[in-house]
């Protein structure tokens, strides 16, 4: 079945508020989750949501409104915050807000985060910077899923990176894992009974596999071989030891929500107006894009696919497969409301 954006948001907010998540926090989680589905990152959208519900039940995601996000260290250009295990979406949202405000004052803002939770798609937060005519950069580490080059034991995370750049005419954004596949795509493939592409993962014995269950027991390959491995390696340090978070085998709780989350995030905002006139900067970005697109037929830039997916979702709705519907129905029944009253 397909549902509308408003129906998805209503489902999420209804479930979370019934589980004692503050309304403001519920709305942030709903917006980030919907953003993933609209852009085509369904592995981080509503399909991921039942895992957050597990985190709430196990107490690894804290809901108490009195639990605050703490600023532990602060300078004019940076801050280190303790999320106190609130929803990762809420903590990351606060982190980027702080980074943006610091960038307005100093030209650059950098915020490290520890003791948070899975935050959905990284691109939502770099988009927050774009909305303020700023460059946004977001990195994070995750539970081990990727083996080092030459190894077969998962040590690195899928370690995402997103970069967003302001423009007058285009949406300019890259949001990607540094692995050949996000872990969420493997979980989604299991739910849908699908195989994964070749050259994405290894089983526990180090053999290539297209079975997502075998891949989760084994390891995901880095994208681009040694280049993706090197980038994931660097992100592991920048989003781990630098921000007082765990690293390598010590990272937990991004896939298994029964465990407290120990990963880290690093949010950056850069104000181009401190370098050049902001309108001239955006004009140059658009001129460069026109040059790229004029070099051939059907050329895409980073962000074009998301724009296309958003239009498709607006025209056709957001797909909910049968297994996901059943999961959501069970959650709704436990919370004593009728899911079908929302989706019809």
C-alpha atoms as a PDB file:
ATOM      1  CA  UNK A   1       0.000   0.000   0.000  1.00  0.00           C
ATOM      2  CA  UNK A   2       0.987   3.653  -0.360  1.00  0.00           C
ATOM      3  CA  UNK A   3       0.454   6.322   2.269  1.00  0.00           C
ATOM      4  CA  UNK A   4       0.755  10.107   2.221  1.00  0.00           C
ATOM      5  CA  UNK A   5       3.354  12.224   3.978  1.00  0.00           C
ATOM      6  CA  UNK A   6       0.776  13.455   6.469  1.00  0.00           C
ATOM      7  CA  UNK A   7      -0.332   9.917   7.233  1.00  0.00           C
ATOM      8  CA  UNK A   8       3.258   8.853   7.929  1.00  0.00           C
ATOM      9  CA  UNK A   9       3.848  11.788  10.253  1.00  0.00           C
ATOM     10  CA  UNK A  10       0.550  11.158  12.037  1.00  0.00           C
ATOM     11  CA  UNK A  11       1.404   7.481  12.597  1.00  0.00           C
ATOM     12  CA  UNK A  12       4.823   8.298  14.067  1.00  0.00           C
ATOM     13  CA  UNK A  13       3.606  11.125  16.297  1.00  0.00           C
ATOM     14  CA  UNK A  14       0.641   9.072  17.522  1.00  0.00           C
ATOM     15  CA  UNK A  15       2.870   6.132  18.488  1.00  0.00           C
ATOM     16  CA  UNK A  16       5.590   8.226  20.105  1.00  0.00           C
ATOM     17  CA  UNK A  17       3.301  10.478  22.139  1.00  0.00           C
ATOM     18  CA  UNK A  18       1.473   7.384  23.425  1.00  0.00           C
ATOM     19  CA  UNK A  19       4.907   6.101  24.508  1.00  0.00           C
ATOM     20  CA  UNK A  20       5.494   9.291  26.534  1.00  0.00           C
ATOM     21  CA  UNK A  21       7.815  10.982  24.059  1.00  0.00           C
ATOM     22  CA  UNK A  22       7.338  14.776  24.306  1.00  0.00           C
ATOM     23  CA  UNK A  23       5.311  16.196  21.401  1.00  0.00           C
ATOM     24  CA  UNK A  24       8.146  18.443  20.208  1.00  0.00           C
ATOM     25  CA  UNK A  25      10.572  15.504  20.125  1.00  0.00           C
ATOM     26  CA  UNK A  26       7.998  13.312  18.373  1.00  0.00           C
ATOM     27  CA  UNK A  27       7.577  15.908  15.641  1.00  0.00           C
ATOM     28  CA  UNK A  28      11.337  16.058  15.013  1.00  0.00           C
ATOM     29  CA  UNK A  29      11.567  12.253  14.762  1.00  0.00           C
ATOM     30  CA  UNK A  30       8.580  12.247  12.401  1.00  0.00           C
ATOM     31  CA  UNK A  31      10.075  14.944  10.163  1.00  0.00           C
ATOM     32  CA  UNK A  32      13.473  13.222   9.910  1.00  0.00           C
ATOM     33  CA  UNK A  33      11.895   9.811   9.264  1.00  0.00           C
ATOM     34  CA  UNK A  34       9.599  11.232   6.597  1.00  0.00           C
ATOM     35  CA  UNK A  35      12.537  13.046   4.995  1.00  0.00           C
ATOM     36  CA  UNK A  36      14.266   9.690   4.514  1.00  0.00           C
ATOM     37  CA  UNK A  37      11.237   8.135   2.850  1.00  0.00           C
ATOM     38  CA  UNK A  38      10.617  11.113   0.595  1.00  0.00           C
ATOM     39  CA  UNK A  39      14.223  11.150  -0.611  1.00  0.00           C
ATOM     40  CA  UNK A  40      14.236   7.410  -1.277  1.00  0.00           C
ATOM     41  CA  UNK A  41      16.272   6.328   1.768  1.00  0.00           C
ATOM     42  CA  UNK A  42      13.539   3.901   2.835  1.00  0.00           C
ATOM     43  CA  UNK A  43      16.036   1.896   4.902  1.00  0.00           C
ATOM     44  CA  UNK A  44      16.140   4.879   7.290  1.00  0.00           C
ATOM     45  CA  UNK A  45      12.478   5.840   7.028  1.00  0.00           C
ATOM     46  CA  UNK A  46       9.321   4.279   8.391  1.00  0.00           C
ATOM     47  CA  UNK A  47      10.854   0.842   7.862  1.00  0.00           C
ATOM     48  CA  UNK A  48      13.421   1.681  10.548  1.00  0.00           C
ATOM     49  CA  UNK A  49      10.831   3.044  12.955  1.00  0.00           C
ATOM     50  CA  UNK A  50       9.897  -0.257  14.689  1.00  0.00           C
ATOM     51  CA  UNK A  51      13.514  -0.484  15.862  1.00  0.00           C
ATOM     52  CA  UNK A  52      13.145   2.862  17.634  1.00  0.00           C
ATOM     53  CA  UNK A  53      10.044   1.505  19.347  1.00  0.00           C
ATOM     54  CA  UNK A  54      12.195  -1.388  20.620  1.00  0.00           C
ATOM     55  CA  UNK A  55      14.704   1.135  21.947  1.00  0.00           C
ATOM     56  CA  UNK A  56      11.935   2.903  23.840  1.00  0.00           C
ATOM     57  CA  UNK A  57      10.723  -0.392  25.317  1.00  0.00           C
ATOM     58  CA  UNK A  58      14.224  -1.438  26.388  1.00  0.00           C
ATOM     59  CA  UNK A  59      14.952   2.004  27.832  1.00  0.00           C
ATOM     60  CA  UNK A  60      17.966   2.620  25.610  1.00  0.00           C
ATOM     61  CA  UNK A  61      16.161   5.659  24.173  1.00  0.00           C
ATOM     62  CA  UNK A  62      15.214   8.020  26.982  1.00  0.00           C
ATOM     63  CA  UNK A  63      11.911   9.911  26.824  1.00  0.00           C
ATOM     64  CA  UNK A  64      11.804  11.845  30.089  1.00  0.00           C
ATOM     65  CA  UNK A  65      11.252  15.509  29.248  1.00  0.00           C
ATOM     66  CA  UNK A  66      13.392  16.462  32.245  1.00  0.00           C
ATOM     67  CA  UNK A  67      16.441  14.729  30.742  1.00  0.00           C
ATOM     68  CA  UNK A  68      18.322  17.495  28.966  1.00  0.00           C
ATOM     69  CA  UNK A  69      20.940  17.610  26.257  1.00  0.00           C
ATOM     70  CA  UNK A  70      24.039  18.879  28.061  1.00  0.00           C
ATOM     71  CA  UNK A  71      26.671  21.197  26.631  1.00  0.00           C
ATOM     72  CA  UNK A  72      29.836  19.874  28.294  1.00  0.00           C
ATOM     73  CA  UNK A  73      32.458  22.041  26.576  1.00  0.00           C
ATOM     74  CA  UNK A  74      31.952  25.231  24.588  1.00  0.00           C
ATOM     75  CA  UNK A  75      34.003  27.856  22.763  1.00  0.00           C
ATOM     76  CA  UNK A  76      32.828  30.509  20.279  1.00  0.00           C
ATOM     77  CA  UNK A  77      33.283  28.054  17.375  1.00  0.00           C
ATOM     78  CA  UNK A  78      32.700  24.597  18.875  1.00  0.00           C
ATOM     79  CA  UNK A  79      30.803  22.610  21.437  1.00  0.00           C
ATOM     80  CA  UNK A  80      30.749  19.080  22.822  1.00  0.00           C
ATOM     81  CA  UNK A  81      27.330  17.829  23.857  1.00  0.00           C
ATOM     82  CA  UNK A  82      26.080  14.842  25.809  1.00  0.00           C
ATOM     83  CA  UNK A  83      22.788  13.594  24.394  1.00  0.00           C
ATOM     84  CA  UNK A  84      21.980  11.611  27.552  1.00  0.00           C
ATOM     85  CA  UNK A  85      20.544   8.879  25.316  1.00  0.00           C
ATOM     86  CA  UNK A  86      17.578  10.873  24.076  1.00  0.00           C
ATOM     87  CA  UNK A  87      16.310  10.252  20.542  1.00  0.00           C
ATOM     88  CA  UNK A  88      19.272  10.630  18.172  1.00  0.00           C
ATOM     89  CA  UNK A  89      17.140  12.744  15.840  1.00  0.00           C
ATOM     90  CA  UNK A  90      16.467  15.250  18.614  1.00  0.00           C
ATOM     91  CA  UNK A  91      20.101  15.388  19.752  1.00  0.00           C
ATOM     92  CA  UNK A  92      21.444  15.773  16.199  1.00  0.00           C
ATOM     93  CA  UNK A  93      18.860  18.483  15.481  1.00  0.00           C
ATOM     94  CA  UNK A  94      20.021  20.400  18.549  1.00  0.00           C
ATOM     95  CA  UNK A  95      23.654  19.855  17.583  1.00  0.00           C
ATOM     96  CA  UNK A  96      23.216  21.322  14.113  1.00  0.00           C
ATOM     97  CA  UNK A  97      21.224  24.250  15.515  1.00  0.00           C
ATOM     98  CA  UNK A  98      24.177  25.072  17.760  1.00  0.00           C
ATOM     99  CA  UNK A  99      26.662  24.638  14.871  1.00  0.00           C
ATOM    100  CA  UNK A 100      24.635  26.996  12.664  1.00  0.00           C
ATOM    101  CA  UNK A 101      24.414  29.673  15.352  1.00  0.00           C
ATOM    102  CA  UNK A 102      28.152  29.499  15.965  1.00  0.00           C
ATOM    103  CA  UNK A 103      28.841  29.727  12.230  1.00  0.00           C
ATOM    104  CA  UNK A 104      26.719  32.880  12.053  1.00  0.00           C
ATOM    105  CA  UNK A 105      28.942  34.398  14.738  1.00  0.00           C
ATOM    106  CA  UNK A 106      32.382  33.085  13.804  1.00  0.00           C
ATOM    107  CA  UNK A 107      32.103  31.707  10.264  1.00  0.00           C
ATOM    108  CA  UNK A 108      32.302  28.083  11.331  1.00  0.00           C
ATOM    109  CA  UNK A 109      30.571  25.940  13.936  1.00  0.00           C
ATOM    110  CA  UNK A 110      31.548  22.424  14.920  1.00  0.00           C
ATOM    111  CA  UNK A 111      29.610  20.298  17.397  1.00  0.00           C
ATOM    112  CA  UNK A 112      30.616  16.869  18.662  1.00  0.00           C
ATOM    113  CA  UNK A 113      28.003  14.536  20.135  1.00  0.00           C
ATOM    114  CA  UNK A 114      28.233  11.452  22.344  1.00  0.00           C
ATOM    115  CA  UNK A 115      25.689   9.333  24.248  1.00  0.00           C
ATOM    116  CA  UNK A 116      23.017   9.835  21.615  1.00  0.00           C
ATOM    117  CA  UNK A 117      21.173   7.300  19.397  1.00  0.00           C
ATOM    118  CA  UNK A 118      20.615   6.440  15.739  1.00  0.00           C
ATOM    119  CA  UNK A 119      19.573   9.729  14.083  1.00  0.00           C
ATOM    120  CA  UNK A 120      18.049   8.651  10.765  1.00  0.00           C
ATOM    121  CA  UNK A 121      19.468  10.199   7.594  1.00  0.00           C
ATOM    122  CA  UNK A 122      22.487  12.465   7.944  1.00  0.00           C
ATOM    123  CA  UNK A 123      21.312  14.647   5.071  1.00  0.00           C
ATOM    124  CA  UNK A 124      18.417  16.056   7.083  1.00  0.00           C
ATOM    125  CA  UNK A 125      20.878  17.900   9.310  1.00  0.00           C
ATOM    126  CA  UNK A 126      23.116  19.191   6.505  1.00  0.00           C
ATOM    127  CA  UNK A 127      19.859  20.429   4.920  1.00  0.00           C
ATOM    128  CA  UNK A 128      19.301  22.510   8.057  1.00  0.00           C
ATOM    129  CA  UNK A 129      22.512  24.390   7.228  1.00  0.00           C
ATOM    130  CA  UNK A 130      21.492  24.821   3.577  1.00  0.00           C
ATOM    131  CA  UNK A 131      18.257  26.472   4.767  1.00  0.00           C
ATOM    132  CA  UNK A 132      20.416  29.103   6.488  1.00  0.00           C
ATOM    133  CA  UNK A 133      22.604  29.676   3.386  1.00  0.00           C
ATOM    134  CA  UNK A 134      25.375  27.639   4.943  1.00  0.00           C
ATOM    135  CA  UNK A 135      27.398  24.583   4.044  1.00  0.00           C
ATOM    136  CA  UNK A 136      26.496  21.628   6.259  1.00  0.00           C
ATOM    137  CA  UNK A 137      28.697  18.605   6.934  1.00  0.00           C
ATOM    138  CA  UNK A 138      27.666  15.645   9.073  1.00  0.00           C
ATOM    139  CA  UNK A 139      29.581  12.467   9.918  1.00  0.00           C
ATOM    140  CA  UNK A 140      28.917   9.630  12.356  1.00  0.00           C
ATOM    141  CA  UNK A 141      30.235   6.235  13.289  1.00  0.00           C
ATOM    142  CA  UNK A 142      28.058   3.159  13.746  1.00  0.00           C
ATOM    143  CA  UNK A 143      28.092  -0.347  15.150  1.00  0.00           C
ATOM    144  CA  UNK A 144      30.759  -2.525  13.465  1.00  0.00           C
ATOM    145  CA  UNK A 145      29.610  -3.824  10.079  1.00  0.00           C
ATOM    146  CA  UNK A 146      32.604  -3.358   7.762  1.00  0.00           C
ATOM    147  CA  UNK A 147      35.818  -5.368   7.746  1.00  0.00           C
ATOM    148  CA  UNK A 148      39.128  -3.703   7.036  1.00  0.00           C
ATOM    149  CA  UNK A 149      40.767  -4.374   3.675  1.00  0.00           C
ATOM    150  CA  UNK A 150      42.195  -7.891   3.860  1.00  0.00           C
ATOM    151  CA  UNK A 151      40.137  -8.825   6.929  1.00  0.00           C
ATOM    152  CA  UNK A 152      36.753 -10.460   7.463  1.00  0.00           C
ATOM    153  CA  UNK A 153      35.867  -9.347  10.993  1.00  0.00           C
ATOM    154  CA  UNK A 154      33.585  -6.283  11.193  1.00  0.00           C
ATOM    155  CA  UNK A 155      35.367  -3.473  13.027  1.00  0.00           C
ATOM    156  CA  UNK A 156      34.395  -0.267  11.221  1.00  0.00           C
ATOM    157  CA  UNK A 157      30.892   1.134  11.018  1.00  0.00           C
ATOM    158  CA  UNK A 158      29.028   2.023   7.835  1.00  0.00           C
ATOM    159  CA  UNK A 159      30.057   5.556   8.900  1.00  0.00           C
ATOM    160  CA  UNK A 160      27.888   7.965   6.902  1.00  0.00           C
ATOM    161  CA  UNK A 161      28.829  11.384   5.588  1.00  0.00           C
ATOM    162  CA  UNK A 162      26.560  14.114   4.251  1.00  0.00           C
ATOM    163  CA  UNK A 163      27.504  17.453   2.705  1.00  0.00           C
ATOM    164  CA  UNK A 164      25.004  20.098   1.682  1.00  0.00           C
ATOM    165  CA  UNK A 165      25.784  23.294  -0.248  1.00  0.00           C
ATOM    166  CA  UNK A 166      23.473  26.295  -0.719  1.00  0.00           C
ATOM    167  CA  UNK A 167      22.388  27.223  -4.243  1.00  0.00           C
ATOM    168  CA  UNK A 168      19.740  29.399  -5.891  1.00  0.00           C
ATOM    169  CA  UNK A 169      18.523  26.878  -8.456  1.00  0.00           C
ATOM    170  CA  UNK A 170      19.576  23.403  -7.305  1.00  0.00           C
ATOM    171  CA  UNK A 171      19.468  21.056  -4.342  1.00  0.00           C
ATOM    172  CA  UNK A 172      23.134  20.176  -3.836  1.00  0.00           C
ATOM    173  CA  UNK A 173      23.616  17.348  -1.369  1.00  0.00           C
ATOM    174  CA  UNK A 174      25.403  14.048  -0.926  1.00  0.00           C
ATOM    175  CA  UNK A 175      24.296  11.646   1.813  1.00  0.00           C
ATOM    176  CA  UNK A 176      25.950   8.249   1.778  1.00  0.00           C
ATOM    177  CA  UNK A 177      27.424   5.427   3.797  1.00  0.00           C
ATOM    178  CA  UNK A 178      31.117   4.733   3.353  1.00  0.00           C
ATOM    179  CA  UNK A 179      30.213   1.057   2.940  1.00  0.00           C
ATOM    180  CA  UNK A 180      28.937  -0.516  -0.272  1.00  0.00           C
ATOM    181  CA  UNK A 181      25.496  -0.609   1.361  1.00  0.00           C
ATOM    182  CA  UNK A 182      23.927   0.883   4.447  1.00  0.00           C
ATOM    183  CA  UNK A 183      23.162  -1.732   7.092  1.00  0.00           C
ATOM    184  CA  UNK A 184      19.531  -0.603   6.990  1.00  0.00           C
ATOM    185  CA  UNK A 185      19.279  -1.722   3.367  1.00  0.00           C
ATOM    186  CA  UNK A 186      20.230  -5.251   4.424  1.00  0.00           C
ATOM    187  CA  UNK A 187      17.582  -5.194   7.160  1.00  0.00           C
ATOM    188  CA  UNK A 188      15.062  -3.912   4.624  1.00  0.00           C
ATOM    189  CA  UNK A 189      16.014  -6.678   2.151  1.00  0.00           C
ATOM    190  CA  UNK A 190      15.382  -9.304   4.855  1.00  0.00           C
ATOM    191  CA  UNK A 191      11.975  -7.780   5.618  1.00  0.00           C
ATOM    192  CA  UNK A 192      11.031  -7.782   1.933  1.00  0.00           C
ATOM    193  CA  UNK A 193      12.477 -11.228   1.222  1.00  0.00           C
ATOM    194  CA  UNK A 194      14.964  -9.842  -1.292  1.00  0.00           C
ATOM    195  CA  UNK A 195      18.577 -10.603  -2.137  1.00  0.00           C
ATOM    196  CA  UNK A 196      21.254  -7.913  -2.055  1.00  0.00           C
ATOM    197  CA  UNK A 197      23.428  -7.008  -5.064  1.00  0.00           C
ATOM    198  CA  UNK A 198      26.711  -8.747  -5.708  1.00  0.00           C
ATOM    199  CA  UNK A 199      29.970  -7.178  -4.501  1.00  0.00           C
ATOM    200  CA  UNK A 200      28.258  -5.669  -1.456  1.00  0.00           C
ATOM    201  CA  UNK A 201      28.953  -8.076   1.396  1.00  0.00           C
ATOM    202  CA  UNK A 202      30.791 -11.139   2.699  1.00  0.00           C
ATOM    203  CA  UNK A 203      29.479 -13.947   4.887  1.00  0.00           C
ATOM    204  CA  UNK A 204      31.078 -14.888   8.201  1.00  0.00           C
ATOM    205  CA  UNK A 205      33.665 -17.008   6.391  1.00  0.00           C
ATOM    206  CA  UNK A 206      34.729 -14.106   4.187  1.00  0.00           C
ATOM    207  CA  UNK A 207      32.973 -15.384   1.061  1.00  0.00           C
ATOM    208  CA  UNK A 208      30.911 -13.095  -1.223  1.00  0.00           C
ATOM    209  CA  UNK A 209      27.160 -13.362  -0.546  1.00  0.00           C
ATOM    210  CA  UNK A 210      23.869 -11.983  -1.856  1.00  0.00           C
ATOM    211  CA  UNK A 211      21.990 -13.233   1.232  1.00  0.00           C
ATOM    212  CA  UNK A 212      21.282 -10.240   3.517  1.00  0.00           C
ATOM    213  CA  UNK A 213      21.064 -12.449   6.626  1.00  0.00           C
ATOM    214  CA  UNK A 214      24.468 -13.969   5.881  1.00  0.00           C
ATOM    215  CA  UNK A 215      25.802 -10.460   5.244  1.00  0.00           C
ATOM    216  CA  UNK A 216      24.628  -9.226   8.638  1.00  0.00           C
ATOM    217  CA  UNK A 217      26.423 -12.159  10.252  1.00  0.00           C
ATOM    218  CA  UNK A 218      29.491 -11.410   8.127  1.00  0.00           C
ATOM    219  CA  UNK A 219      30.589  -7.976   6.932  1.00  0.00           C
ATOM    220  CA  UNK A 220      29.700  -5.284   4.420  1.00  0.00           C
ATOM    221  CA  UNK A 221      32.387  -4.230   1.971  1.00  0.00           C
ATOM    222  CA  UNK A 222      33.662  -0.636   1.954  1.00  0.00           C
ATOM    223  CA  UNK A 223      32.654   1.276  -1.163  1.00  0.00           C
ATOM    224  CA  UNK A 224      35.474   1.870  -3.619  1.00  0.00           C
ATOM    225  CA  UNK A 225      37.720  -0.713  -1.930  1.00  0.00           C
ATOM    226  CA  UNK A 226      40.659   1.004  -0.182  1.00  0.00           C
ATOM    227  CA  UNK A 227      39.240   4.507  -0.734  1.00  0.00           C
ATOM    228  CA  UNK A 228      35.987   3.827   1.109  1.00  0.00           C
ATOM    229  CA  UNK A 229      37.919   1.947   3.782  1.00  0.00           C
ATOM    230  CA  UNK A 230      40.249   4.914   4.313  1.00  0.00           C
ATOM    231  CA  UNK A 231      37.344   7.371   4.558  1.00  0.00           C
ATOM    232  CA  UNK A 232      35.452   5.147   7.012  1.00  0.00           C
ATOM    233  CA  UNK A 233      38.649   4.785   9.049  1.00  0.00           C
ATOM    234  CA  UNK A 234      39.056   8.557   9.369  1.00  0.00           C
ATOM    235  CA  UNK A 235      35.377   9.093  10.214  1.00  0.00           C
ATOM    236  CA  UNK A 236      35.673   6.444  12.941  1.00  0.00           C
ATOM    237  CA  UNK A 237      38.258   8.634  14.675  1.00  0.00           C
ATOM    238  CA  UNK A 238      36.572  11.988  14.075  1.00  0.00           C
ATOM    239  CA  UNK A 239      33.195  10.707  15.286  1.00  0.00           C
ATOM    240  CA  UNK A 240      34.688   8.522  18.017  1.00  0.00           C
ATOM    241  CA  UNK A 241      37.669   9.527  20.191  1.00  0.00           C
ATOM    242  CA  UNK A 242      37.412  13.192  19.153  1.00  0.00           C
ATOM    243  CA  UNK A 243      33.890  13.543  20.592  1.00  0.00           C
ATOM    244  CA  UNK A 244      34.279  11.238  23.643  1.00  0.00           C
ATOM    245  CA  UNK A 245      32.366   8.450  21.876  1.00  0.00           C
ATOM    246  CA  UNK A 246      33.266   4.803  21.338  1.00  0.00           C
ATOM    247  CA  UNK A 247      35.099   3.485  18.290  1.00  0.00           C
ATOM    248  CA  UNK A 248      35.609   0.177  16.512  1.00  0.00           C
ATOM    249  CA  UNK A 249      34.265  -2.812  18.442  1.00  0.00           C
ATOM    250  CA  UNK A 250      33.201  -0.525  21.278  1.00  0.00           C
ATOM    251  CA  UNK A 251      30.406   1.055  19.238  1.00  0.00           C
ATOM    252  CA  UNK A 252      27.019  -0.422  20.150  1.00  0.00           C
ATOM    253  CA  UNK A 253      23.333   0.390  19.971  1.00  0.00           C
ATOM    254  CA  UNK A 254      22.887   1.671  16.407  1.00  0.00           C
ATOM    255  CA  UNK A 255      21.617  -1.693  15.124  1.00  0.00           C
ATOM    256  CA  UNK A 256      20.847  -3.565  18.346  1.00  0.00           C
ATOM    257  CA  UNK A 257      18.544  -1.279  20.297  1.00  0.00           C
ATOM    258  CA  UNK A 258      18.677  -3.526  23.349  1.00  0.00           C
ATOM    259  CA  UNK A 259      22.092  -1.998  24.114  1.00  0.00           C
ATOM    260  CA  UNK A 260      22.864   1.582  25.106  1.00  0.00           C
ATOM    261  CA  UNK A 261      24.173   3.509  22.121  1.00  0.00           C
ATOM    262  CA  UNK A 262      27.836   4.507  22.293  1.00  0.00           C
ATOM    263  CA  UNK A 263      28.421   6.004  18.820  1.00  0.00           C
ATOM    264  CA  UNK A 264      29.365   9.606  18.082  1.00  0.00           C
ATOM    265  CA  UNK A 265      28.411  12.366  15.654  1.00  0.00           C
ATOM    266  CA  UNK A 266      30.188  15.455  14.353  1.00  0.00           C
ATOM    267  CA  UNK A 267      28.151  18.358  12.946  1.00  0.00           C
ATOM    268  CA  UNK A 268      29.694  21.242  11.035  1.00  0.00           C
ATOM    269  CA  UNK A 269      28.284  24.435   9.578  1.00  0.00           C
ATOM    270  CA  UNK A 270      30.296  26.880   7.433  1.00  0.00           C
ATOM    271  CA  UNK A 271      29.092  30.359   6.526  1.00  0.00           C
ATOM    272  CA  UNK A 272      30.240  31.109   2.948  1.00  0.00           C
ATOM    273  CA  UNK A 273      29.447  34.812   3.431  1.00  0.00           C
ATOM    274  CA  UNK A 274      32.510  35.060   5.673  1.00  0.00           C
ATOM    275  CA  UNK A 275      34.609  34.147   2.594  1.00  0.00           C
ATOM    276  CA  UNK A 276      32.720  35.705  -0.315  1.00  0.00           C
ATOM    277  CA  UNK A 277      29.443  37.433  -1.101  1.00  0.00           C
ATOM    278  CA  UNK A 278      26.796  34.747  -0.490  1.00  0.00           C
ATOM    279  CA  UNK A 279      24.806  35.523  -3.650  1.00  0.00           C
ATOM    280  CA  UNK A 280      27.956  35.391  -5.762  1.00  0.00           C
ATOM    281  CA  UNK A 281      28.828  32.063  -4.154  1.00  0.00           C
ATOM    282  CA  UNK A 282      25.436  30.570  -4.971  1.00  0.00           C
ATOM    283  CA  UNK A 283      25.574  31.939  -8.517  1.00  0.00           C
ATOM    284  CA  UNK A 284      28.977  30.302  -8.979  1.00  0.00           C
ATOM    285  CA  UNK A 285      27.637  26.999  -7.653  1.00  0.00           C
ATOM    286  CA  UNK A 286      24.749  27.141 -10.136  1.00  0.00           C
ATOM    287  CA  UNK A 287      27.061  28.124 -12.974  1.00  0.00           C
ATOM    288  CA  UNK A 288      29.302  25.160 -12.200  1.00  0.00           C
ATOM    289  CA  UNK A 289      26.292  22.841 -12.157  1.00  0.00           C
ATOM    290  CA  UNK A 290      25.137  24.199 -15.520  1.00  0.00           C
ATOM    291  CA  UNK A 291      28.623  23.498 -16.889  1.00  0.00           C
ATOM    292  CA  UNK A 292      28.482  19.926 -15.572  1.00  0.00           C
ATOM    293  CA  UNK A 293      25.007  19.269 -16.946  1.00  0.00           C
ATOM    294  CA  UNK A 294      25.932  20.819 -20.279  1.00  0.00           C
ATOM    295  CA  UNK A 295      28.713  18.290 -20.768  1.00  0.00           C
ATOM    296  CA  UNK A 296      26.408  15.462 -21.800  1.00  0.00           C
ATOM    297  CA  UNK A 297      22.885  14.042 -21.720  1.00  0.00           C
ATOM    298  CA  UNK A 298      20.987  12.955 -18.624  1.00  0.00           C
ATOM    299  CA  UNK A 299      23.724  14.063 -16.246  1.00  0.00           C
ATOM    300  CA  UNK A 300      22.828  14.087 -12.568  1.00  0.00           C
ATOM    301  CA  UNK A 301      24.470  16.019  -9.777  1.00  0.00           C
ATOM    302  CA  UNK A 302      24.429  14.981  -6.102  1.00  0.00           C
ATOM    303  CA  UNK A 303      20.905  15.779  -4.915  1.00  0.00           C
ATOM    304  CA  UNK A 304      19.041  15.340  -8.212  1.00  0.00           C
ATOM    305  CA  UNK A 305      17.917  11.801  -7.387  1.00  0.00           C
ATOM    306  CA  UNK A 306      16.499  12.966  -4.073  1.00  0.00           C
ATOM    307  CA  UNK A 307      14.558  15.750  -5.809  1.00  0.00           C
ATOM    308  CA  UNK A 308      13.152  13.213  -8.261  1.00  0.00           C
ATOM    309  CA  UNK A 309      12.247  10.820  -5.452  1.00  0.00           C
ATOM    310  CA  UNK A 310      10.482  13.577  -3.514  1.00  0.00           C
ATOM    311  CA  UNK A 311       8.351  14.357  -6.567  1.00  0.00           C
ATOM    312  CA  UNK A 312       7.548  10.671  -7.101  1.00  0.00           C
ATOM    313  CA  UNK A 313       6.557  10.275  -3.449  1.00  0.00           C
ATOM    314  CA  UNK A 314       4.355  13.355  -3.706  1.00  0.00           C
ATOM    315  CA  UNK A 315       2.643  11.974  -6.803  1.00  0.00           C
ATOM    316  CA  UNK A 316       2.341   8.334  -5.771  1.00  0.00           C
ATOM    317  CA  UNK A 317       2.714   8.194  -1.998  1.00  0.00           C
ATOM    318  CA  UNK A 318       5.159   6.321   0.216  1.00  0.00           C
ATOM    319  CA  UNK A 319       5.209   2.544  -0.081  1.00  0.00           C
ATOM    320  CA  UNK A 320       4.517   0.403   2.975  1.00  0.00           C
ATOM    321  CA  UNK A 321       5.127  -3.310   2.420  1.00  0.00           C
ATOM    322  CA  UNK A 322       3.017  -6.009   4.047  1.00  0.00           C
ATOM    323  CA  UNK A 323       5.565  -6.946   6.718  1.00  0.00           C
ATOM    324  CA  UNK A 324       6.063  -3.313   7.752  1.00  0.00           C
ATOM    325  CA  UNK A 325       2.294  -2.766   7.866  1.00  0.00           C
ATOM    326  CA  UNK A 326       1.958  -5.793  10.171  1.00  0.00           C
ATOM    327  CA  UNK A 327       4.724  -4.473  12.440  1.00  0.00           C
ATOM    328  CA  UNK A 328       3.086  -1.048  12.680  1.00  0.00           C
ATOM    329  CA  UNK A 329      -0.350  -2.614  13.247  1.00  0.00           C
ATOM    330  CA  UNK A 330       0.995  -4.663  16.148  1.00  0.00           C
ATOM    331  CA  UNK A 331       2.571  -1.556  17.707  1.00  0.00           C
ATOM    332  CA  UNK A 332      -0.674   0.393  17.280  1.00  0.00           C
ATOM    333  CA  UNK A 333      -2.747  -2.426  18.791  1.00  0.00           C
ATOM    334  CA  UNK A 334      -0.448  -2.529  21.834  1.00  0.00           C
ATOM    335  CA  UNK A 335      -0.998   1.200  22.257  1.00  0.00           C
ATOM    336  CA  UNK A 336      -4.787   0.893  21.828  1.00  0.00           C
ATOM    337  CA  UNK A 337      -5.374   2.811  18.640  1.00  0.00           C
ATOM    338  CA  UNK A 338      -6.484   1.698  15.202  1.00  0.00           C
ATOM    339  CA  UNK A 339      -3.809   2.160  12.534  1.00  0.00           C
ATOM    340  CA  UNK A 340      -6.411   1.797   9.801  1.00  0.00           C
ATOM    341  CA  UNK A 341      -8.229   4.882  11.100  1.00  0.00           C
ATOM    342  CA  UNK A 342      -5.162   6.850   9.943  1.00  0.00           C
ATOM    343  CA  UNK A 343      -4.323   5.133   6.678  1.00  0.00           C
ATOM    344  CA  UNK A 344      -7.855   4.134   5.606  1.00  0.00           C
END
